[in-house]
Amino acid sequence: MIEGGVPFPMLSDPGGAIGKVYGVYDEEAGVDIRGRFIIDPDFVVRAMEVLTPEVGRNPEELIRQIKAFQHVRATGEVTPSGWQPGKPTLKPGPDLVGKVWTVWKP
C-alpha cells in the first residue's frame, strides 16, 4: 500500500474510454460522472454507484462493502444491511426466505 493511498486499485479515465464502457461518460461535458464499481476476482461487477458531481461518495461505505463481499466469498454466508466485520451474518438457504427479520437480531 502506498502511504496515504488505498489498498485496492483505483484509476483515472482521461478521455472516457472506461467510462463509456460502464455508461458513466458524459459526452457533452467530456468527463466521466462519479462512478464506483466493485469487481470481484472473477471480473463480475458486484456493486455499482453512480452519482452526479455535486454529491460526494462515502469511502467508509466503500470499504465496508468490499469487506462484506470478501467475507461472503470466503464463507458463503450473507451479510445484512450495515454489516461490519465481526458482526453476525446469515446462512443462506430455503429456510431463511421471507424470515430474515425473525432470524437476524442486530
PDB file of N, CA and C in Angstrom:
ATOM      1  N   MET A   1       0.845  -1.183   0.000  1.00  0.00           N
ATOM      2  CA  MET A   1       0.000   0.000   0.000  1.00  0.00           C
ATOM      3  C   MET A   1       0.882   1.236   0.000  1.00  0.00           C
ATOM      4  N   ILE A   2       0.540   2.191  -0.805  1.00  0.00           N
ATOM      5  CA  ILE A   2       1.255   3.462  -0.859  1.00  0.00           C
ATOM      6  C   ILE A   2       0.809   4.306   0.328  1.00  0.00           C
ATOM      7  N   GLU A   3       1.764   4.935   0.980  1.00  0.00           N
ATOM      8  CA  GLU A   3       1.414   5.771   2.123  1.00  0.00           C
ATOM      9  C   GLU A   3       0.384   6.817   1.715  1.00  0.00           C
ATOM     10  N   GLY A   4      -0.696   6.900   2.496  1.00  0.00           N
ATOM     11  CA  GLY A   4      -1.763   7.837   2.197  1.00  0.00           C
ATOM     12  C   GLY A   4      -2.692   7.345   1.107  1.00  0.00           C
ATOM     13  N   GLY A   5      -2.426   6.170   0.571  1.00  0.00           N
ATOM     14  CA  GLY A   5      -3.239   5.621  -0.507  1.00  0.00           C
ATOM     15  C   GLY A   5      -4.272   4.640   0.010  1.00  0.00           C
ATOM     16  N   VAL A   6      -4.776   3.845  -0.887  1.00  0.00           N
ATOM     17  CA  VAL A   6      -5.769   2.833  -0.539  1.00  0.00           C
ATOM     18  C   VAL A   6      -5.236   1.460  -0.949  1.00  0.00           C
ATOM     19  N   PRO A   7      -5.657   0.404  -0.250  1.00  0.00           N
ATOM     20  CA  PRO A   7      -5.103  -0.925  -0.513  1.00  0.00           C
ATOM     21  C   PRO A   7      -5.808  -1.685  -1.635  1.00  0.00           C
ATOM     22  N   PHE A   8      -6.357  -0.973  -2.600  1.00  0.00           N
ATOM     23  CA  PHE A   8      -7.025  -1.612  -3.733  1.00  0.00           C
ATOM     24  C   PHE A   8      -6.877  -0.711  -4.946  1.00  0.00           C
ATOM     25  N   PRO A   9      -7.014  -1.272  -6.140  1.00  0.00           N
ATOM     26  CA  PRO A   9      -6.801  -0.472  -7.354  1.00  0.00           C
ATOM     27  C   PRO A   9      -7.851   0.629  -7.537  1.00  0.00           C
ATOM     28  N   MET A  10      -7.391   1.781  -7.905  1.00  0.00           N
ATOM     29  CA  MET A  10      -8.259   2.888  -8.313  1.00  0.00           C
ATOM     30  C   MET A  10      -7.650   3.434  -9.598  1.00  0.00           C
ATOM     31  N   LEU A  11      -8.437   4.115 -10.405  1.00  0.00           N
ATOM     32  CA  LEU A  11      -7.884   4.627 -11.647  1.00  0.00           C
ATOM     33  C   LEU A  11      -8.542   5.922 -12.055  1.00  0.00           C
ATOM     34  N   SER A  12      -7.903   6.572 -12.987  1.00  0.00           N
ATOM     35  CA  SER A  12      -8.410   7.780 -13.615  1.00  0.00           C
ATOM     36  C   SER A  12      -8.720   7.417 -15.059  1.00  0.00           C
ATOM     37  N   ASP A  13      -9.587   8.178 -15.706  1.00  0.00           N
ATOM     38  CA  ASP A  13     -10.023   7.813 -17.055  1.00  0.00           C
ATOM     39  C   ASP A  13     -10.038   9.010 -17.989  1.00  0.00           C
ATOM     40  N   PRO A  14      -8.860   9.622 -18.233  1.00  0.00           N
ATOM     41  CA  PRO A  14      -8.852  10.738 -19.179  1.00  0.00           C
ATOM     42  C   PRO A  14      -9.291  10.253 -20.563  1.00  0.00           C
ATOM     43  N   GLY A  15     -10.208  10.978 -21.159  1.00  0.00           N
ATOM     44  CA  GLY A  15     -10.731  10.582 -22.468  1.00  0.00           C
ATOM     45  C   GLY A  15     -11.976   9.729 -22.393  1.00  0.00           C
ATOM     46  N   GLY A  16     -12.268   9.152 -21.228  1.00  0.00           N
ATOM     47  CA  GLY A  16     -13.528   8.443 -21.036  1.00  0.00           C
ATOM     48  C   GLY A  16     -13.633   7.054 -21.635  1.00  0.00           C
ATOM     49  N   ALA A  17     -12.524   6.425 -21.992  1.00  0.00           N
ATOM     50  CA  ALA A  17     -12.604   5.094 -22.615  1.00  0.00           C
ATOM     51  C   ALA A  17     -13.304   4.079 -21.708  1.00  0.00           C
ATOM     52  N   ILE A  18     -12.959   4.074 -20.433  1.00  0.00           N
ATOM     53  CA  ILE A  18     -13.578   3.133 -19.495  1.00  0.00           C
ATOM     54  C   ILE A  18     -14.990   3.596 -19.135  1.00  0.00           C
ATOM     55  N   GLY A  19     -15.165   4.893 -18.924  1.00  0.00           N
ATOM     56  CA  GLY A  19     -16.477   5.433 -18.594  1.00  0.00           C
ATOM     57  C   GLY A  19     -17.525   5.132 -19.652  1.00  0.00           C
ATOM     58  N   LYS A  20     -17.118   5.118 -20.890  1.00  0.00           N
ATOM     59  CA  LYS A  20     -18.046   4.782 -21.972  1.00  0.00           C
ATOM     60  C   LYS A  20     -18.514   3.338 -21.849  1.00  0.00           C
ATOM     61  N   VAL A  21     -17.602   2.433 -21.521  1.00  0.00           N
ATOM     62  CA  VAL A  21     -17.950   1.019 -21.363  1.00  0.00           C
ATOM     63  C   VAL A  21     -18.944   0.832 -20.217  1.00  0.00           C
ATOM     64  N   TYR A  22     -18.742   1.556 -19.114  1.00  0.00           N
ATOM     65  CA  TYR A  22     -19.596   1.408 -17.938  1.00  0.00           C
ATOM     66  C   TYR A  22     -20.790   2.368 -17.928  1.00  0.00           C
ATOM     67  N   GLY A  23     -20.944   3.156 -18.955  1.00  0.00           N
ATOM     68  CA  GLY A  23     -22.108   4.029 -19.062  1.00  0.00           C
ATOM     69  C   GLY A  23     -22.079   5.245 -18.175  1.00  0.00           C
ATOM     70  N   VAL A  24     -20.887   5.723 -17.796  1.00  0.00           N
ATOM     71  CA  VAL A  24     -20.800   6.896 -16.923  1.00  0.00           C
ATOM     72  C   VAL A  24     -20.080   8.072 -17.580  1.00  0.00           C
ATOM     73  N   TYR A  25     -19.841   7.981 -18.878  1.00  0.00           N
ATOM     74  CA  TYR A  25     -19.156   9.074 -19.572  1.00  0.00           C
ATOM     75  C   TYR A  25     -20.172  10.094 -20.052  1.00  0.00           C
ATOM     76  N   ASP A  26     -19.963  11.352 -19.702  1.00  0.00           N
ATOM     77  CA  ASP A  26     -20.831  12.455 -20.126  1.00  0.00           C
ATOM     78  C   ASP A  26     -20.207  13.058 -21.386  1.00  0.00           C
ATOM     79  N   GLU A  27     -20.751  12.715 -22.538  1.00  0.00           N
ATOM     80  CA  GLU A  27     -20.210  13.178 -23.823  1.00  0.00           C
ATOM     81  C   GLU A  27     -20.169  14.704 -23.905  1.00  0.00           C
ATOM     82  N   GLU A  28     -21.239  15.347 -23.457  1.00  0.00           N
ATOM     83  CA  GLU A  28     -21.333  16.803 -23.556  1.00  0.00           C
ATOM     84  C   GLU A  28     -20.250  17.504 -22.733  1.00  0.00           C
ATOM     85  N   ALA A  29     -20.035  17.019 -21.512  1.00  0.00           N
ATOM     86  CA  ALA A  29     -19.030  17.633 -20.641  1.00  0.00           C
ATOM     87  C   ALA A  29     -17.625  17.095 -20.924  1.00  0.00           C
ATOM     88  N   GLY A  30     -17.536  15.951 -21.579  1.00  0.00           N
ATOM     89  CA  GLY A  30     -16.240  15.357 -21.887  1.00  0.00           C
ATOM     90  C   GLY A  30     -15.537  14.735 -20.689  1.00  0.00           C
ATOM     91  N   VAL A  31     -16.310  14.311 -19.683  1.00  0.00           N
ATOM     92  CA  VAL A  31     -15.742  13.693 -18.479  1.00  0.00           C
ATOM     93  C   VAL A  31     -16.641  12.558 -17.998  1.00  0.00           C
ATOM     94  N   ASP A  32     -16.050  11.687 -17.200  1.00  0.00           N
ATOM     95  CA  ASP A  32     -16.860  10.669 -16.517  1.00  0.00           C
ATOM     96  C   ASP A  32     -17.604  11.325 -15.371  1.00  0.00           C
ATOM     97  N   ILE A  33     -18.848  10.900 -15.129  1.00  0.00           N
ATOM     98  CA  ILE A  33     -19.505  11.300 -13.891  1.00  0.00           C
ATOM     99  C   ILE A  33     -19.027  10.345 -12.810  1.00  0.00           C
ATOM    100  N   ARG A  34     -19.338  10.624 -11.567  1.00  0.00           N
ATOM    101  CA  ARG A  34     -18.813   9.825 -10.466  1.00  0.00           C
ATOM    102  C   ARG A  34     -19.392   8.420 -10.495  1.00  0.00           C
ATOM    103  N   GLY A  35     -18.575   7.471 -10.854  1.00  0.00           N
ATOM    104  CA  GLY A  35     -18.982   6.077 -10.873  1.00  0.00           C
ATOM    105  C   GLY A  35     -18.040   5.243 -10.039  1.00  0.00           C
ATOM    106  N   ARG A  36     -18.619   4.314  -9.284  1.00  0.00           N
ATOM    107  CA  ARG A  36     -17.823   3.417  -8.456  1.00  0.00           C
ATOM    108  C   ARG A  36     -18.312   2.006  -8.709  1.00  0.00           C
ATOM    109  N   PHE A  37     -17.395   1.101  -9.003  1.00  0.00           N
ATOM    110  CA  PHE A  37     -17.740  -0.263  -9.336  1.00  0.00           C
ATOM    111  C   PHE A  37     -16.867  -1.201  -8.518  1.00  0.00           C
ATOM    112  N   ILE A  38     -17.480  -2.163  -7.847  1.00  0.00           N
ATOM    113  CA  ILE A  38     -16.737  -3.195  -7.138  1.00  0.00           C
ATOM    114  C   ILE A  38     -16.785  -4.433  -8.023  1.00  0.00           C
ATOM    115  N   ILE A  39     -15.600  -4.883  -8.438  1.00  0.00           N
ATOM    116  CA  ILE A  39     -15.481  -6.010  -9.358  1.00  0.00           C
ATOM    117  C   ILE A  39     -14.717  -7.113  -8.647  1.00  0.00           C
ATOM    118  N   ASP A  40     -15.290  -8.316  -8.619  1.00  0.00           N
ATOM    119  CA  ASP A  40     -14.654  -9.413  -7.884  1.00  0.00           C
ATOM    120  C   ASP A  40     -13.500 -10.033  -8.672  1.00  0.00           C
ATOM    121  N   PRO A  41     -12.763 -10.954  -8.063  1.00  0.00           N
ATOM    122  CA  PRO A  41     -11.617 -11.568  -8.750  1.00  0.00           C
ATOM    123  C   PRO A  41     -11.984 -12.318 -10.037  1.00  0.00           C
ATOM    124  N   ASP A  42     -13.256 -12.667 -10.198  1.00  0.00           N
ATOM    125  CA  ASP A  42     -13.716 -13.325 -11.429  1.00  0.00           C
ATOM    126  C   ASP A  42     -14.210 -12.311 -12.458  1.00  0.00           C
ATOM    127  N   PHE A  43     -13.982 -11.022 -12.185  1.00  0.00           N
ATOM    128  CA  PHE A  43     -14.346  -9.912 -13.069  1.00  0.00           C
ATOM    129  C   PHE A  43     -15.856  -9.721 -13.194  1.00  0.00           C
ATOM    130  N   VAL A  44     -16.581 -10.070 -12.134  1.00  0.00           N
ATOM    131  CA  VAL A  44     -18.023  -9.855 -12.078  1.00  0.00           C
ATOM    132  C   VAL A  44     -18.275  -8.573 -11.300  1.00  0.00           C
ATOM    133  N   VAL A  45     -19.071  -7.664 -11.876  1.00  0.00           N
ATOM    134  CA  VAL A  45     -19.432  -6.438 -11.164  1.00  0.00           C
ATOM    135  C   VAL A  45     -20.402  -6.824 -10.051  1.00  0.00           C
ATOM    136  N   ARG A  46     -19.998  -6.604  -8.807  1.00  0.00           N
ATOM    137  CA  ARG A  46     -20.810  -6.951  -7.637  1.00  0.00           C
ATOM    138  C   ARG A  46     -21.596  -5.767  -7.101  1.00  0.00           C
ATOM    139  N   ALA A  47     -21.104  -4.559  -7.343  1.00  0.00           N
ATOM    140  CA  ALA A  47     -21.798  -3.368  -6.852  1.00  0.00           C
ATOM    141  C   ALA A  47     -21.409  -2.193  -7.730  1.00  0.00           C
ATOM    142  N   MET A  48     -22.336  -1.252  -7.836  1.00  0.00           N
ATOM    143  CA  MET A  48     -22.045  -0.030  -8.573  1.00  0.00           C
ATOM    144  C   MET A  48     -22.815   1.116  -7.952  1.00  0.00           C
ATOM    145  N   GLU A  49     -22.218   2.282  -8.041  1.00  0.00           N
ATOM    146  CA  GLU A  49     -22.859   3.501  -7.561  1.00  0.00           C
ATOM    147  C   GLU A  49     -22.483   4.603  -8.527  1.00  0.00           C
ATOM    148  N   VAL A  50     -23.469   5.358  -8.959  1.00  0.00           N
ATOM    149  CA  VAL A  50     -23.224   6.473  -9.866  1.00  0.00           C
ATOM    150  C   VAL A  50     -23.885   7.707  -9.266  1.00  0.00           C
ATOM    151  N   LEU A  51     -23.083   8.743  -9.082  1.00  0.00           N
ATOM    152  CA  LEU A  51     -23.579   9.999  -8.523  1.00  0.00           C
ATOM    153  C   LEU A  51     -23.191  11.155  -9.429  1.00  0.00           C
ATOM    154  N   THR A  52     -24.002  12.180  -9.452  1.00  0.00           N
ATOM    155  CA  THR A  52     -23.622  13.387 -10.165  1.00  0.00           C
ATOM    156  C   THR A  52     -22.567  14.128  -9.341  1.00  0.00           C
ATOM    157  N   PRO A  53     -21.767  14.988  -9.970  1.00  0.00           N
ATOM    158  CA  PRO A  53     -20.599  15.581  -9.293  1.00  0.00           C
ATOM    159  C   PRO A  53     -20.877  16.367  -8.021  1.00  0.00           C
ATOM    160  N   GLU A  54     -22.069  16.882  -7.856  1.00  0.00           N
ATOM    161  CA  GLU A  54     -22.305  17.738  -6.691  1.00  0.00           C
ATOM    162  C   GLU A  54     -22.508  16.965  -5.383  1.00  0.00           C
ATOM    163  N   VAL A  55     -22.560  15.635  -5.442  1.00  0.00           N
ATOM    164  CA  VAL A  55     -22.737  14.833  -4.226  1.00  0.00           C
ATOM    165  C   VAL A  55     -21.530  13.912  -4.066  1.00  0.00           C
ATOM    166  N   GLY A  56     -20.888  13.987  -2.923  1.00  0.00           N
ATOM    167  CA  GLY A  56     -19.705  13.171  -2.667  1.00  0.00           C
ATOM    168  C   GLY A  56     -20.053  11.742  -2.298  1.00  0.00           C
ATOM    169  N   ARG A  57     -19.063  10.886  -2.434  1.00  0.00           N
ATOM    170  CA  ARG A  57     -19.223   9.482  -2.083  1.00  0.00           C
ATOM    171  C   ARG A  57     -18.702   9.232  -0.679  1.00  0.00           C
ATOM    172  N   ASN A  58     -19.043   8.078  -0.120  1.00  0.00           N
ATOM    173  CA  ASN A  58     -18.657   7.736   1.236  1.00  0.00           C
ATOM    174  C   ASN A  58     -17.590   6.639   1.196  1.00  0.00           C
ATOM    175  N   PRO A  59     -16.318   6.983   1.394  1.00  0.00           N
ATOM    176  CA  PRO A  59     -15.272   5.960   1.318  1.00  0.00           C
ATOM    177  C   PRO A  59     -15.390   4.897   2.409  1.00  0.00           C
ATOM    178  N   GLU A  60     -15.930   5.247   3.572  1.00  0.00           N
ATOM    179  CA  GLU A  60     -16.116   4.245   4.628  1.00  0.00           C
ATOM    180  C   GLU A  60     -17.116   3.179   4.175  1.00  0.00           C
ATOM    181  N   GLU A  61     -18.159   3.576   3.472  1.00  0.00           N
ATOM    182  CA  GLU A  61     -19.141   2.609   2.969  1.00  0.00           C
ATOM    183  C   GLU A  61     -18.523   1.738   1.888  1.00  0.00           C
ATOM    184  N   LEU A  62     -17.681   2.304   1.051  1.00  0.00           N
ATOM    185  CA  LEU A  62     -16.988   1.519   0.039  1.00  0.00           C
ATOM    186  C   LEU A  62     -16.138   0.433   0.698  1.00  0.00           C
ATOM    187  N   ILE A  63     -15.363   0.792   1.700  1.00  0.00           N
ATOM    188  CA  ILE A  63     -14.512  -0.170   2.403  1.00  0.00           C
ATOM    189  C   ILE A  63     -15.376  -1.243   3.067  1.00  0.00           C
ATOM    190  N   ARG A  64     -16.490  -0.838   3.698  1.00  0.00           N
ATOM    191  CA  ARG A  64     -17.397  -1.801   4.337  1.00  0.00           C
ATOM    192  C   ARG A  64     -17.921  -2.797   3.309  1.00  0.00           C
ATOM    193  N   GLN A  65     -18.325  -2.300   2.143  1.00  0.00           N
ATOM    194  CA  GLN A  65     -18.857  -3.185   1.112  1.00  0.00           C
ATOM    195  C   GLN A  65     -17.787  -4.148   0.603  1.00  0.00           C
ATOM    196  N   ILE A  66     -16.580  -3.666   0.399  1.00  0.00           N
ATOM    197  CA  ILE A  66     -15.502  -4.553  -0.055  1.00  0.00           C
ATOM    198  C   ILE A  66     -15.265  -5.651   0.977  1.00  0.00           C
ATOM    199  N   LYS A  67     -15.217  -5.294   2.262  1.00  0.00           N
ATOM    200  CA  LYS A  67     -15.029  -6.295   3.310  1.00  0.00           C
ATOM    201  C   LYS A  67     -16.186  -7.295   3.333  1.00  0.00           C
ATOM    202  N   ALA A  68     -17.399  -6.809   3.128  1.00  0.00           N
ATOM    203  CA  ALA A  68     -18.566  -7.701   3.108  1.00  0.00           C
ATOM    204  C   ALA A  68     -18.486  -8.671   1.929  1.00  0.00           C
ATOM    205  N   PHE A  69     -18.147  -8.172   0.751  1.00  0.00           N
ATOM    206  CA  PHE A  69     -18.018  -9.060  -0.407  1.00  0.00           C
ATOM    207  C   PHE A  69     -16.901 -10.082  -0.199  1.00  0.00           C
ATOM    208  N   GLN A  70     -15.804  -9.671   0.418  1.00  0.00           N
ATOM    209  CA  GLN A  70     -14.721 -10.611   0.707  1.00  0.00           C
ATOM    210  C   GLN A  70     -15.180 -11.688   1.687  1.00  0.00           C
ATOM    211  N   HIS A  71     -15.942 -11.279   2.703  1.00  0.00           N
ATOM    212  CA  HIS A  71     -16.452 -12.235   3.694  1.00  0.00           C
ATOM    213  C   HIS A  71     -17.403 -13.235   3.039  1.00  0.00           C
ATOM    214  N   VAL A  72     -18.308 -12.729   2.232  1.00  0.00           N
ATOM    215  CA  VAL A  72     -19.270 -13.596   1.543  1.00  0.00           C
ATOM    216  C   VAL A  72     -18.536 -14.605   0.673  1.00  0.00           C
ATOM    217  N   ARG A  73     -17.559 -14.137  -0.068  1.00  0.00           N
ATOM    218  CA  ARG A  73     -16.799 -15.020  -0.964  1.00  0.00           C
ATOM    219  C   ARG A  73     -16.049 -16.094  -0.171  1.00  0.00           C
ATOM    220  N   ALA A  74     -15.500 -15.721   0.977  1.00  0.00           N
ATOM    221  CA  ALA A  74     -14.702 -16.650   1.775  1.00  0.00           C
ATOM    222  C   ALA A  74     -15.543 -17.662   2.553  1.00  0.00           C
ATOM    223  N   THR A  75     -16.757 -17.264   2.957  1.00  0.00           N
ATOM    224  CA  THR A  75     -17.533 -18.105   3.874  1.00  0.00           C
ATOM    225  C   THR A  75     -18.820 -18.663   3.293  1.00  0.00           C
ATOM    226  N   GLY A  76     -19.371 -18.024   2.264  1.00  0.00           N
ATOM    227  CA  GLY A  76     -20.681 -18.434   1.759  1.00  0.00           C
ATOM    228  C   GLY A  76     -21.827 -17.883   2.582  1.00  0.00           C
ATOM    229  N   GLU A  77     -21.512 -17.183   3.657  1.00  0.00           N
ATOM    230  CA  GLU A  77     -22.543 -16.533   4.463  1.00  0.00           C
ATOM    231  C   GLU A  77     -22.986 -15.262   3.746  1.00  0.00           C
ATOM    232  N   VAL A  78     -24.078 -14.686   4.197  1.00  0.00           N
ATOM    233  CA  VAL A  78     -24.522 -13.409   3.647  1.00  0.00           C
ATOM    234  C   VAL A  78     -24.517 -12.371   4.758  1.00  0.00           C
ATOM    235  N   THR A  79     -24.349 -11.115   4.354  1.00  0.00           N
ATOM    236  CA  THR A  79     -24.234 -10.042   5.332  1.00  0.00           C
ATOM    237  C   THR A  79     -25.469  -9.154   5.289  1.00  0.00           C
ATOM    238  N   PRO A  80     -26.052  -8.885   6.439  1.00  0.00           N
ATOM    239  CA  PRO A  80     -27.207  -7.995   6.476  1.00  0.00           C
ATOM    240  C   PRO A  80     -26.804  -6.535   6.269  1.00  0.00           C
ATOM    241  N   SER A  81     -27.789  -5.690   6.102  1.00  0.00           N
ATOM    242  CA  SER A  81     -27.566  -4.260   5.906  1.00  0.00           C
ATOM    243  C   SER A  81     -26.705  -3.683   7.023  1.00  0.00           C
ATOM    244  N   GLY A  82     -25.711  -2.891   6.630  1.00  0.00           N
ATOM    245  CA  GLY A  82     -24.863  -2.234   7.612  1.00  0.00           C
ATOM    246  C   GLY A  82     -23.861  -3.153   8.294  1.00  0.00           C
ATOM    247  N   TRP A  83     -23.735  -4.396   7.824  1.00  0.00           N
ATOM    248  CA  TRP A  83     -22.822  -5.366   8.434  1.00  0.00           C
ATOM    249  C   TRP A  83     -21.419  -4.799   8.544  1.00  0.00           C
ATOM    250  N   GLN A  84     -20.761  -5.127   9.651  1.00  0.00           N
ATOM    251  CA  GLN A  84     -19.357  -4.785   9.877  1.00  0.00           C
ATOM    252  C   GLN A  84     -18.611  -6.069  10.229  1.00  0.00           C
ATOM    253  N   PRO A  85     -17.318  -6.167   9.907  1.00  0.00           N
ATOM    254  CA  PRO A  85     -16.553  -7.357  10.262  1.00  0.00           C
ATOM    255  C   PRO A  85     -16.705  -7.700  11.745  1.00  0.00           C
ATOM    256  N   GLY A  86     -16.912  -8.987  12.014  1.00  0.00           N
ATOM    257  CA  GLY A  86     -17.089  -9.456  13.381  1.00  0.00           C
ATOM    258  C   GLY A  86     -18.535  -9.470  13.843  1.00  0.00           C
ATOM    259  N   LYS A  87     -19.419  -8.853  13.094  1.00  0.00           N
ATOM    260  CA  LYS A  87     -20.841  -8.817  13.448  1.00  0.00           C
ATOM    261  C   LYS A  87     -21.544 -10.053  12.881  1.00  0.00           C
ATOM    262  N   PRO A  88     -22.741 -10.358  13.374  1.00  0.00           N
ATOM    263  CA  PRO A  88     -23.456 -11.559  12.914  1.00  0.00           C
ATOM    264  C   PRO A  88     -23.729 -11.551  11.406  1.00  0.00           C
ATOM    265  N   THR A  89     -23.702 -12.739  10.840  1.00  0.00           N
ATOM    266  CA  THR A  89     -24.035 -12.935   9.435  1.00  0.00           C
ATOM    267  C   THR A  89     -25.198 -13.917   9.365  1.00  0.00           C
ATOM    268  N   LEU A  90     -25.634 -14.219   8.173  1.00  0.00           N
ATOM    269  CA  LEU A  90     -26.740 -15.148   7.975  1.00  0.00           C
ATOM    270  C   LEU A  90     -26.283 -16.309   7.111  1.00  0.00           C
ATOM    271  N   LYS A  91     -26.854 -17.470   7.333  1.00  0.00           N
ATOM    272  CA  LYS A  91     -26.597 -18.644   6.498  1.00  0.00           C
ATOM    273  C   LYS A  91     -27.732 -18.710   5.473  1.00  0.00           C
ATOM    274  N   PRO A  92     -27.409 -18.542   4.189  1.00  0.00           N
ATOM    275  CA  PRO A  92     -28.469 -18.566   3.179  1.00  0.00           C
ATOM    276  C   PRO A  92     -29.057 -19.968   3.018  1.00  0.00           C
ATOM    277  N   GLY A  93     -30.322 -20.008   2.641  1.00  0.00           N
ATOM    278  CA  GLY A  93     -30.986 -21.279   2.391  1.00  0.00           C
ATOM    279  C   GLY A  93     -32.482 -21.096   2.333  1.00  0.00           C
ATOM    280  N   PRO A  94     -33.193 -22.131   1.919  1.00  0.00           N
ATOM    281  CA  PRO A  94     -34.652 -22.036   1.766  1.00  0.00           C
ATOM    282  C   PRO A  94     -35.371 -21.666   3.062  1.00  0.00           C
ATOM    283  N   ASP A  95     -34.829 -22.100   4.205  1.00  0.00           N
ATOM    284  CA  ASP A  95     -35.485 -21.786   5.481  1.00  0.00           C
ATOM    285  C   ASP A  95     -35.406 -20.313   5.843  1.00  0.00           C
ATOM    286  N   LEU A  96     -34.512 -19.575   5.210  1.00  0.00           N
ATOM    287  CA  LEU A  96     -34.329 -18.157   5.517  1.00  0.00           C
ATOM    288  C   LEU A  96     -35.264 -17.262   4.695  1.00  0.00           C
ATOM    289  N   VAL A  97     -35.738 -17.769   3.567  1.00  0.00           N
ATOM    290  CA  VAL A  97     -36.553 -16.962   2.656  1.00  0.00           C
ATOM    291  C   VAL A  97     -37.790 -16.414   3.376  1.00  0.00           C
ATOM    292  N   GLY A  98     -37.924 -15.094   3.340  1.00  0.00           N
ATOM    293  CA  GLY A  98     -39.063 -14.418   3.961  1.00  0.00           C
ATOM    294  C   GLY A  98     -39.001 -14.342   5.474  1.00  0.00           C
ATOM    295  N   LYS A  99     -37.924 -14.827   6.077  1.00  0.00           N
ATOM    296  CA  LYS A  99     -37.837 -14.860   7.537  1.00  0.00           C
ATOM    297  C   LYS A  99     -36.597 -14.160   8.078  1.00  0.00           C
ATOM    298  N   VAL A 100     -35.923 -13.375   7.244  1.00  0.00           N
ATOM    299  CA  VAL A 100     -34.673 -12.741   7.682  1.00  0.00           C
ATOM    300  C   VAL A 100     -34.874 -11.972   8.975  1.00  0.00           C
ATOM    301  N   TRP A 101     -35.942 -11.226   9.093  1.00  0.00           N
ATOM    302  CA  TRP A 101     -36.111 -10.366  10.270  1.00  0.00           C
ATOM    303  C   TRP A 101     -36.494 -11.148  11.509  1.00  0.00           C
ATOM    304  N   THR A 102     -36.929 -12.409  11.360  1.00  0.00           N
ATOM    305  CA  THR A 102     -37.185 -13.223  12.549  1.00  0.00           C
ATOM    306  C   THR A 102     -35.917 -13.924  13.006  1.00  0.00           C
ATOM    307  N   VAL A 103     -34.950 -14.098  12.093  1.00  0.00           N
ATOM    308  CA  VAL A 103     -33.717 -14.793  12.407  1.00  0.00           C
ATOM    309  C   VAL A 103     -32.621 -13.826  12.824  1.00  0.00           C
ATOM    310  N   TRP A 104     -32.521 -12.691  12.139  1.00  0.00           N
ATOM    311  CA  TRP A 104     -31.439 -11.750  12.375  1.00  0.00           C
ATOM    312  C   TRP A 104     -31.849 -10.737  13.416  1.00  0.00           C
ATOM    313  N   LYS A 105     -31.084 -10.702  14.491  1.00  0.00           N
ATOM    314  CA  LYS A 105     -31.312  -9.733  15.570  1.00  0.00           C
ATOM    315  C   LYS A 105     -30.085  -8.850  15.667  1.00  0.00           C
ATOM    316  N   PRO A 106     -30.175  -7.590  15.189  1.00  0.00           N
ATOM    317  CA  PRO A 106     -28.994  -6.720  15.217  1.00  0.00           C
ATOM    318  C   PRO A 106     -28.543  -6.385  16.627  1.00  0.00           C
TER     319      PRO A 106
END
